[in-house]
Amino acid sequence: MAEIAEPVPAARPFDSDTLRSGLVARFAVVGALLRFRTTIGADFALERNLGDYLCSLFLATLLFTAGYGAVLGMFEPGIQTAFSALKLPVVVLGTALLCIPTFYVFNSILGSTLNFRQTVALVFLMTAAVATILAAFAPIAWFFTVSAGTEGFLIALHFAIFAIALLYAERLLDSMRELLRAATGGTSVPRTFLTLWIVLVVAVGTQMAWNFRPFLTEGPFVTGTRSLCVEALRPAPDETERSER
């Protein structure tokens, strides 16, 4: 007689109290971000362990973006690997910090009931989501970085990975806002605002990355020059133009 298979136990819901168990436990927030978003939304709405969430999301963003930055710098191994590992967290976290005030103020104007701490937690949830997707693509990015010799191809590859990460983070942020709105009874903020804010985030992040260029090839930590990122779209001057200058 065939044995009856025992039912597979359901996954245990995430308990944010575990975040304070130690440094390694802080990174449990990454698994929760992927599997237990409803639990995170409920905790954010009640402001339960919000400080622990902020610390954990910050650390996850810092570690994962540093790792992906190191992959970027492996195109020319050496000091550039360390530079890129330091630069990318500055770009991602710096962009988030610069854009938090606009997210909070205009959310409030449009009827959101989220306070400032909840807003900061949401934005850092977005940066952790971006960092998680970057970490997922890091082995593939590393393989092409060390095996391909074309800088243009690698720029396109990394750009595509960042676009995928940002798209996922935007969807996550939108779903979390709706969870919090339902939990707190606030007014539904138009999705158009989120789209416009994401465009602002992309603009600020691109300009910050331009200021900290280069990431692939060897160069200074900060260029120290004042220019807009759109200058990267201009064709490089040919030898005749250079000699005239």
C-alpha atoms as a PDB file:
ATOM      1  CA  MET A   1       0.000   0.000   0.000  1.00  0.00           C
ATOM      2  CA  ALA A   2       1.434   3.313  -1.074  1.00  0.00           C
ATOM      3  CA  GLU A   3       2.393   5.652   1.684  1.00  0.00           C
ATOM      4  CA  ILE A   4       0.474   8.892   1.907  1.00  0.00           C
ATOM      5  CA  ALA A   5       2.825  11.813   1.523  1.00  0.00           C
ATOM      6  CA  GLU A   6       2.789  14.249   4.390  1.00  0.00           C
ATOM      7  CA  PRO A   7       1.703  17.778   3.496  1.00  0.00           C
ATOM      8  CA  VAL A   8       4.523  20.240   3.024  1.00  0.00           C
ATOM      9  CA  PRO A   9       4.457  22.753   5.886  1.00  0.00           C
ATOM     10  CA  ALA A  10       3.687  26.312   4.874  1.00  0.00           C
ATOM     11  CA  ALA A  11       6.496  28.811   4.953  1.00  0.00           C
ATOM     12  CA  ARG A  12       6.767  30.541   8.284  1.00  0.00           C
ATOM     13  CA  PRO A  13       5.724  34.183   8.145  1.00  0.00           C
ATOM     14  CA  PHE A  14       8.482  36.704   8.635  1.00  0.00           C
ATOM     15  CA  ASP A  15       8.895  38.101  12.153  1.00  0.00           C
ATOM     16  CA  SER A  16      10.698  41.427  12.172  1.00  0.00           C
ATOM     17  CA  ASP A  17      11.814  40.845  15.779  1.00  0.00           C
ATOM     18  CA  THR A  18      14.548  38.602  14.341  1.00  0.00           C
ATOM     19  CA  LEU A  19      16.227  41.621  12.719  1.00  0.00           C
ATOM     20  CA  ARG A  20      17.719  42.645  16.051  1.00  0.00           C
ATOM     21  CA  SER A  21      19.266  39.205  16.673  1.00  0.00           C
ATOM     22  CA  GLY A  22      22.625  40.146  15.170  1.00  0.00           C
ATOM     23  CA  LEU A  23      24.404  41.504  12.126  1.00  0.00           C
ATOM     24  CA  VAL A  24      23.728  38.436   9.974  1.00  0.00           C
ATOM     25  CA  ALA A  25      20.057  38.425  10.988  1.00  0.00           C
ATOM     26  CA  ARG A  26      19.725  41.941   9.566  1.00  0.00           C
ATOM     27  CA  PHE A  27      19.867  40.472   6.069  1.00  0.00           C
ATOM     28  CA  ALA A  28      16.734  38.390   6.685  1.00  0.00           C
ATOM     29  CA  VAL A  29      14.927  41.490   5.457  1.00  0.00           C
ATOM     30  CA  VAL A  30      15.997  40.571   1.912  1.00  0.00           C
ATOM     31  CA  GLY A  31      14.093  37.288   2.008  1.00  0.00           C
ATOM     32  CA  ALA A  32      11.108  39.058   3.529  1.00  0.00           C
ATOM     33  CA  LEU A  33      11.216  41.654   0.752  1.00  0.00           C
ATOM     34  CA  LEU A  34      10.938  38.849  -1.817  1.00  0.00           C
ATOM     35  CA  ARG A  35       8.396  36.619  -0.048  1.00  0.00           C
ATOM     36  CA  PHE A  36       6.552  38.418   2.761  1.00  0.00           C
ATOM     37  CA  ARG A  37       5.788  41.897   1.479  1.00  0.00           C
ATOM     38  CA  THR A  38       2.354  41.897   3.116  1.00  0.00           C
ATOM     39  CA  THR A  39       4.013  41.355   6.500  1.00  0.00           C
ATOM     40  CA  ILE A  40       6.429  44.203   5.851  1.00  0.00           C
ATOM     41  CA  GLY A  41       3.529  46.446   4.838  1.00  0.00           C
ATOM     42  CA  ALA A  42       1.679  45.644   8.064  1.00  0.00           C
ATOM     43  CA  ASP A  43       4.788  46.384  10.133  1.00  0.00           C
ATOM     44  CA  PHE A  44       5.331  49.681   8.332  1.00  0.00           C
ATOM     45  CA  ALA A  45       1.709  50.694   8.879  1.00  0.00           C
ATOM     46  CA  LEU A  46       1.977  50.013  12.624  1.00  0.00           C
ATOM     47  CA  GLU A  47       5.557  51.400  12.748  1.00  0.00           C
ATOM     48  CA  ARG A  48       6.590  48.106  14.305  1.00  0.00           C
ATOM     49  CA  ASN A  49      10.379  47.679  14.488  1.00  0.00           C
ATOM     50  CA  LEU A  50      10.703  50.489  11.951  1.00  0.00           C
ATOM     51  CA  GLY A  51      14.172  51.417  13.207  1.00  0.00           C
ATOM     52  CA  ASP A  52      15.355  47.832  12.743  1.00  0.00           C
ATOM     53  CA  TYR A  53      13.902  47.797   9.236  1.00  0.00           C
ATOM     54  CA  LEU A  54      15.724  51.021   8.364  1.00  0.00           C
ATOM     55  CA  CYS A  55      19.042  49.688   9.634  1.00  0.00           C
ATOM     56  CA  SER A  56      18.602  46.345   7.860  1.00  0.00           C
ATOM     57  CA  LEU A  57      17.535  47.884   4.550  1.00  0.00           C
ATOM     58  CA  PHE A  58      20.441  50.324   4.688  1.00  0.00           C
ATOM     59  CA  LEU A  59      22.971  47.553   5.353  1.00  0.00           C
ATOM     60  CA  ALA A  60      21.546  45.344   2.581  1.00  0.00           C
ATOM     61  CA  THR A  61      21.725  48.225   0.117  1.00  0.00           C
ATOM     62  CA  LEU A  62      25.255  49.096   1.196  1.00  0.00           C
ATOM     63  CA  LEU A  63      26.612  45.542   0.918  1.00  0.00           C
ATOM     64  CA  PHE A  64      24.914  44.524  -2.324  1.00  0.00           C
ATOM     65  CA  THR A  65      25.686  47.735  -4.197  1.00  0.00           C
ATOM     66  CA  ALA A  66      29.299  47.591  -3.017  1.00  0.00           C
ATOM     67  CA  GLY A  67      29.544  44.050  -4.364  1.00  0.00           C
ATOM     68  CA  TYR A  68      28.082  45.017  -7.724  1.00  0.00           C
ATOM     69  CA  GLY A  69      30.308  48.080  -7.825  1.00  0.00           C
ATOM     70  CA  ALA A  70      33.323  45.815  -7.381  1.00  0.00           C
ATOM     71  CA  VAL A  71      32.113  43.797 -10.368  1.00  0.00           C
ATOM     72  CA  LEU A  72      31.987  47.006 -12.430  1.00  0.00           C
ATOM     73  CA  GLY A  73      35.580  47.830 -11.486  1.00  0.00           C
ATOM     74  CA  MET A  74      36.870  44.374 -12.452  1.00  0.00           C
ATOM     75  CA  PHE A  75      36.975  45.522 -16.075  1.00  0.00           C
ATOM     76  CA  GLU A  76      40.325  47.039 -15.103  1.00  0.00           C
ATOM     77  CA  PRO A  77      41.270  45.225 -11.850  1.00  0.00           C
ATOM     78  CA  GLY A  78      43.187  47.035  -9.169  1.00  0.00           C
ATOM     79  CA  ILE A  79      42.408  50.346  -7.545  1.00  0.00           C
ATOM     80  CA  GLN A  80      39.378  50.781  -9.816  1.00  0.00           C
ATOM     81  CA  THR A  81      37.742  47.696  -8.281  1.00  0.00           C
ATOM     82  CA  ALA A  82      37.945  49.277  -4.840  1.00  0.00           C
ATOM     83  CA  PHE A  83      36.915  52.694  -6.154  1.00  0.00           C
ATOM     84  CA  SER A  84      33.796  51.326  -7.888  1.00  0.00           C
ATOM     85  CA  ALA A  85      32.875  49.300  -4.796  1.00  0.00           C
ATOM     86  CA  LEU A  86      32.874  52.565  -2.839  1.00  0.00           C
ATOM     87  CA  LYS A  87      31.282  54.716  -5.530  1.00  0.00           C
ATOM     88  CA  LEU A  88      28.118  52.722  -6.277  1.00  0.00           C
ATOM     89  CA  PRO A  89      26.746  52.716  -2.691  1.00  0.00           C
ATOM     90  CA  VAL A  90      27.359  56.469  -2.558  1.00  0.00           C
ATOM     91  CA  VAL A  91      25.404  56.939  -5.793  1.00  0.00           C
ATOM     92  CA  VAL A  92      22.444  54.724  -4.803  1.00  0.00           C
ATOM     93  CA  LEU A  93      22.118  55.826  -1.174  1.00  0.00           C
ATOM     94  CA  GLY A  94      22.961  59.441  -1.971  1.00  0.00           C
ATOM     95  CA  THR A  95      20.257  59.558  -4.637  1.00  0.00           C
ATOM     96  CA  ALA A  96      17.722  58.140  -2.181  1.00  0.00           C
ATOM     97  CA  LEU A  97      18.591  60.691   0.510  1.00  0.00           C
ATOM     98  CA  LEU A  98      18.335  63.578  -1.937  1.00  0.00           C
ATOM     99  CA  CYS A  99      14.930  62.452  -3.241  1.00  0.00           C
ATOM    100  CA  ILE A 100      13.251  61.556   0.083  1.00  0.00           C
ATOM    101  CA  PRO A 101      12.044  65.138   0.847  1.00  0.00           C
ATOM    102  CA  THR A 102      10.170  65.468  -2.464  1.00  0.00           C
ATOM    103  CA  PHE A 103       8.591  62.040  -2.002  1.00  0.00           C
ATOM    104  CA  TYR A 104       7.367  62.926   1.483  1.00  0.00           C
ATOM    105  CA  VAL A 105       6.165  66.474   0.774  1.00  0.00           C
ATOM    106  CA  PHE A 106       4.248  65.733  -2.416  1.00  0.00           C
ATOM    107  CA  ASN A 107       2.791  62.494  -1.025  1.00  0.00           C
ATOM    108  CA  SER A 108       1.459  64.562   1.873  1.00  0.00           C
ATOM    109  CA  ILE A 109       0.095  67.272  -0.432  1.00  0.00           C
ATOM    110  CA  LEU A 110      -1.748  64.620  -2.443  1.00  0.00           C
ATOM    111  CA  GLY A 111      -3.403  63.182   0.677  1.00  0.00           C
ATOM    112  CA  SER A 112      -1.069  60.478   1.970  1.00  0.00           C
ATOM    113  CA  THR A 113      -1.134  59.902   5.734  1.00  0.00           C
ATOM    114  CA  LEU A 114       2.373  58.412   5.908  1.00  0.00           C
ATOM    115  CA  ASN A 115       4.700  60.121   8.342  1.00  0.00           C
ATOM    116  CA  PHE A 116       8.327  60.916   7.588  1.00  0.00           C
ATOM    117  CA  ARG A 117       9.771  57.728   9.137  1.00  0.00           C
ATOM    118  CA  GLN A 118       7.394  55.548   7.130  1.00  0.00           C
ATOM    119  CA  THR A 119       8.317  57.459   3.989  1.00  0.00           C
ATOM    120  CA  VAL A 120      12.045  56.977   4.619  1.00  0.00           C
ATOM    121  CA  ALA A 121      11.439  53.253   5.209  1.00  0.00           C
ATOM    122  CA  LEU A 122       9.593  52.992   1.890  1.00  0.00           C
ATOM    123  CA  VAL A 123      12.409  54.691  -0.017  1.00  0.00           C
ATOM    124  CA  PHE A 124      15.040  52.472   1.592  1.00  0.00           C
ATOM    125  CA  LEU A 125      12.874  49.479   0.760  1.00  0.00           C
ATOM    126  CA  MET A 126      13.170  50.605  -2.854  1.00  0.00           C
ATOM    127  CA  THR A 127      16.978  50.932  -2.654  1.00  0.00           C
ATOM    128  CA  ALA A 128      17.215  47.464  -1.080  1.00  0.00           C
ATOM    129  CA  ALA A 129      15.066  46.083  -3.907  1.00  0.00           C
ATOM    130  CA  VAL A 130      17.387  47.661  -6.494  1.00  0.00           C
ATOM    131  CA  ALA A 131      20.415  46.280  -4.653  1.00  0.00           C
ATOM    132  CA  THR A 132      18.879  42.789  -4.448  1.00  0.00           C
ATOM    133  CA  ILE A 133      18.295  42.633  -8.204  1.00  0.00           C
ATOM    134  CA  LEU A 134      21.845  43.877  -8.798  1.00  0.00           C
ATOM    135  CA  ALA A 135      23.147  41.104  -6.526  1.00  0.00           C
ATOM    136  CA  ALA A 136      21.084  38.547  -8.461  1.00  0.00           C
ATOM    137  CA  PHE A 137      22.677  39.658 -11.744  1.00  0.00           C
ATOM    138  CA  ALA A 138      26.180  40.059 -10.260  1.00  0.00           C
ATOM    139  CA  PRO A 139      27.512  36.592 -11.312  1.00  0.00           C
ATOM    140  CA  ILE A 140      26.400  37.145 -14.924  1.00  0.00           C
ATOM    141  CA  ALA A 141      27.766  40.687 -14.935  1.00  0.00           C
ATOM    142  CA  TRP A 142      31.064  39.400 -13.509  1.00  0.00           C
ATOM    143  CA  PHE A 143      31.353  36.736 -16.220  1.00  0.00           C
ATOM    144  CA  PHE A 144      30.901  39.217 -19.055  1.00  0.00           C
ATOM    145  CA  THR A 145      33.101  41.814 -17.347  1.00  0.00           C
ATOM    146  CA  VAL A 146      36.104  39.482 -17.107  1.00  0.00           C
ATOM    147  CA  SER A 147      35.573  37.770 -20.471  1.00  0.00           C
ATOM    148  CA  ALA A 148      34.434  40.590 -22.781  1.00  0.00           C
ATOM    149  CA  GLY A 149      36.871  43.260 -23.897  1.00  0.00           C
ATOM    150  CA  THR A 150      34.369  45.741 -25.295  1.00  0.00           C
ATOM    151  CA  GLU A 151      33.548  48.628 -23.003  1.00  0.00           C
ATOM    152  CA  GLY A 152      30.501  49.656 -25.052  1.00  0.00           C
ATOM    153  CA  PHE A 153      28.892  46.232 -24.668  1.00  0.00           C
ATOM    154  CA  LEU A 154      29.471  46.252 -20.911  1.00  0.00           C
ATOM    155  CA  ILE A 155      27.954  49.730 -20.567  1.00  0.00           C
ATOM    156  CA  ALA A 156      24.822  48.508 -22.391  1.00  0.00           C
ATOM    157  CA  LEU A 157      24.691  45.358 -20.246  1.00  0.00           C
ATOM    158  CA  HIS A 158      24.977  47.218 -16.944  1.00  0.00           C
ATOM    159  CA  PHE A 159      22.472  49.819 -18.104  1.00  0.00           C
ATOM    160  CA  ALA A 160      19.954  47.050 -18.882  1.00  0.00           C
ATOM    161  CA  ILE A 161      20.505  45.447 -15.464  1.00  0.00           C
ATOM    162  CA  PHE A 162      19.982  48.755 -13.682  1.00  0.00           C
ATOM    163  CA  ALA A 163      16.810  49.361 -15.719  1.00  0.00           C
ATOM    164  CA  ILE A 164      15.414  45.957 -14.705  1.00  0.00           C
ATOM    165  CA  ALA A 165      16.308  46.605 -11.044  1.00  0.00           C
ATOM    166  CA  LEU A 166      14.639  50.022 -11.062  1.00  0.00           C
ATOM    167  CA  LEU A 167      11.516  48.681 -12.768  1.00  0.00           C
ATOM    168  CA  TYR A 168      11.167  45.957 -10.132  1.00  0.00           C
ATOM    169  CA  ALA A 169      11.757  48.471  -7.324  1.00  0.00           C
ATOM    170  CA  GLU A 170       9.133  50.849  -8.764  1.00  0.00           C
ATOM    171  CA  ARG A 171       6.518  48.062  -8.889  1.00  0.00           C
ATOM    172  CA  LEU A 172       7.391  47.027  -5.334  1.00  0.00           C
ATOM    173  CA  LEU A 173       7.173  50.608  -4.076  1.00  0.00           C
ATOM    174  CA  ASP A 174       3.777  51.072  -5.716  1.00  0.00           C
ATOM    175  CA  SER A 175       2.378  47.872  -4.190  1.00  0.00           C
ATOM    176  CA  MET A 176       3.728  48.796  -0.759  1.00  0.00           C
ATOM    177  CA  ARG A 177       2.146  52.246  -0.961  1.00  0.00           C
ATOM    178  CA  GLU A 178      -1.209  50.626  -1.687  1.00  0.00           C
ATOM    179  CA  LEU A 179      -0.784  48.210   1.226  1.00  0.00           C
ATOM    180  CA  LEU A 180      -0.025  51.100   3.560  1.00  0.00           C
ATOM    181  CA  ARG A 181      -2.901  53.175   2.208  1.00  0.00           C
ATOM    182  CA  ALA A 182      -5.335  50.322   2.829  1.00  0.00           C
ATOM    183  CA  ALA A 183      -3.942  49.762   6.335  1.00  0.00           C
ATOM    184  CA  THR A 184      -3.962  53.426   7.361  1.00  0.00           C
ATOM    185  CA  GLY A 185      -7.092  54.531   5.542  1.00  0.00           C
ATOM    186  CA  GLY A 186      -5.334  57.312   3.676  1.00  0.00           C
ATOM    187  CA  THR A 187      -6.203  58.839   0.320  1.00  0.00           C
ATOM    188  CA  SER A 188      -5.039  57.022  -2.784  1.00  0.00           C
ATOM    189  CA  VAL A 189      -2.169  59.004  -4.312  1.00  0.00           C
ATOM    190  CA  PRO A 190      -2.232  58.962  -8.151  1.00  0.00           C
ATOM    191  CA  ARG A 191       0.270  56.573  -9.714  1.00  0.00           C
ATOM    192  CA  THR A 192       1.272  59.426 -12.033  1.00  0.00           C
ATOM    193  CA  PHE A 193       3.040  61.041  -9.084  1.00  0.00           C
ATOM    194  CA  LEU A 194       5.102  57.906  -8.470  1.00  0.00           C
ATOM    195  CA  THR A 195       6.044  57.759 -12.149  1.00  0.00           C
ATOM    196  CA  LEU A 196       7.178  61.392 -12.132  1.00  0.00           C
ATOM    197  CA  TRP A 197       9.117  60.851  -8.917  1.00  0.00           C
ATOM    198  CA  ILE A 198      10.889  57.816 -10.393  1.00  0.00           C
ATOM    199  CA  VAL A 199      11.876  59.978 -13.373  1.00  0.00           C
ATOM    200  CA  LEU A 200      13.325  62.475 -10.881  1.00  0.00           C
ATOM    201  CA  VAL A 201      15.216  59.664  -9.132  1.00  0.00           C
ATOM    202  CA  VAL A 202      16.671  58.514 -12.461  1.00  0.00           C
ATOM    203  CA  ALA A 203      17.756  62.073 -13.310  1.00  0.00           C
ATOM    204  CA  VAL A 204      19.418  62.624  -9.918  1.00  0.00           C
ATOM    205  CA  GLY A 205      21.050  59.185  -9.933  1.00  0.00           C
ATOM    206  CA  THR A 206      22.369  59.604 -13.455  1.00  0.00           C
ATOM    207  CA  GLN A 207      23.861  62.989 -12.640  1.00  0.00           C
ATOM    208  CA  MET A 208      25.444  61.630  -9.466  1.00  0.00           C
ATOM    209  CA  ALA A 209      26.906  58.662 -11.348  1.00  0.00           C
ATOM    210  CA  TRP A 210      28.250  61.117 -13.947  1.00  0.00           C
ATOM    211  CA  ASN A 211      29.986  63.079 -11.192  1.00  0.00           C
ATOM    212  CA  PHE A 212      31.589  59.905  -9.830  1.00  0.00           C
ATOM    213  CA  ARG A 213      32.613  58.486 -13.224  1.00  0.00           C
ATOM    214  CA  PRO A 214      34.405  56.372 -14.335  1.00  0.00           C
ATOM    215  CA  PHE A 215      33.242  53.017 -12.970  1.00  0.00           C
ATOM    216  CA  LEU A 216      34.750  50.604 -15.491  1.00  0.00           C
ATOM    217  CA  THR A 217      38.066  52.144 -16.425  1.00  0.00           C
ATOM    218  CA  GLU A 218      40.739  53.558 -14.147  1.00  0.00           C
ATOM    219  CA  GLY A 219      40.209  57.151 -13.100  1.00  0.00           C
ATOM    220  CA  PRO A 220      39.759  59.470 -10.112  1.00  0.00           C
ATOM    221  CA  PHE A 221      37.251  58.815  -7.344  1.00  0.00           C
ATOM    222  CA  VAL A 222      35.464  62.085  -8.195  1.00  0.00           C
ATOM    223  CA  THR A 223      36.045  64.013 -11.415  1.00  0.00           C
ATOM    224  CA  GLY A 224      35.766  67.433  -9.774  1.00  0.00           C
ATOM    225  CA  THR A 225      34.361  68.911 -12.983  1.00  0.00           C
ATOM    226  CA  ARG A 226      30.984  70.657 -13.271  1.00  0.00           C
ATOM    227  CA  SER A 227      28.949  69.352 -16.192  1.00  0.00           C
ATOM    228  CA  LEU A 228      25.618  67.691 -16.951  1.00  0.00           C
ATOM    229  CA  CYS A 229      25.266  63.985 -17.661  1.00  0.00           C
ATOM    230  CA  VAL A 230      23.715  64.742 -21.084  1.00  0.00           C
ATOM    231  CA  GLU A 231      27.207  65.636 -22.255  1.00  0.00           C
ATOM    232  CA  ALA A 232      27.859  61.895 -22.432  1.00  0.00           C
ATOM    233  CA  LEU A 233      25.529  61.813 -25.462  1.00  0.00           C
ATOM    234  CA  ARG A 234      27.709  64.208 -27.415  1.00  0.00           C
ATOM    235  CA  PRO A 235      30.025  62.553 -29.969  1.00  0.00           C
ATOM    236  CA  ALA A 236      33.691  62.589 -29.059  1.00  0.00           C
ATOM    237  CA  PRO A 237      35.678  65.229 -30.963  1.00  0.00           C
ATOM    238  CA  ASP A 238      37.820  63.887 -33.777  1.00  0.00           C
ATOM    239  CA  GLU A 239      41.541  64.491 -34.073  1.00  0.00           C
ATOM    240  CA  THR A 240      41.062  67.619 -36.247  1.00  0.00           C
ATOM    241  CA  GLU A 241      38.840  69.269 -33.649  1.00  0.00           C
ATOM    242  CA  ARG A 242      41.284  68.371 -30.895  1.00  0.00           C
ATOM    243  CA  SER A 243      44.192  69.914 -32.742  1.00  0.00           C
ATOM    244  CA  GLU A 244      42.197  73.110 -33.369  1.00  0.00           C
ATOM    245  CA  ARG A 245      41.578  73.393 -29.634  1.00  0.00           C
END
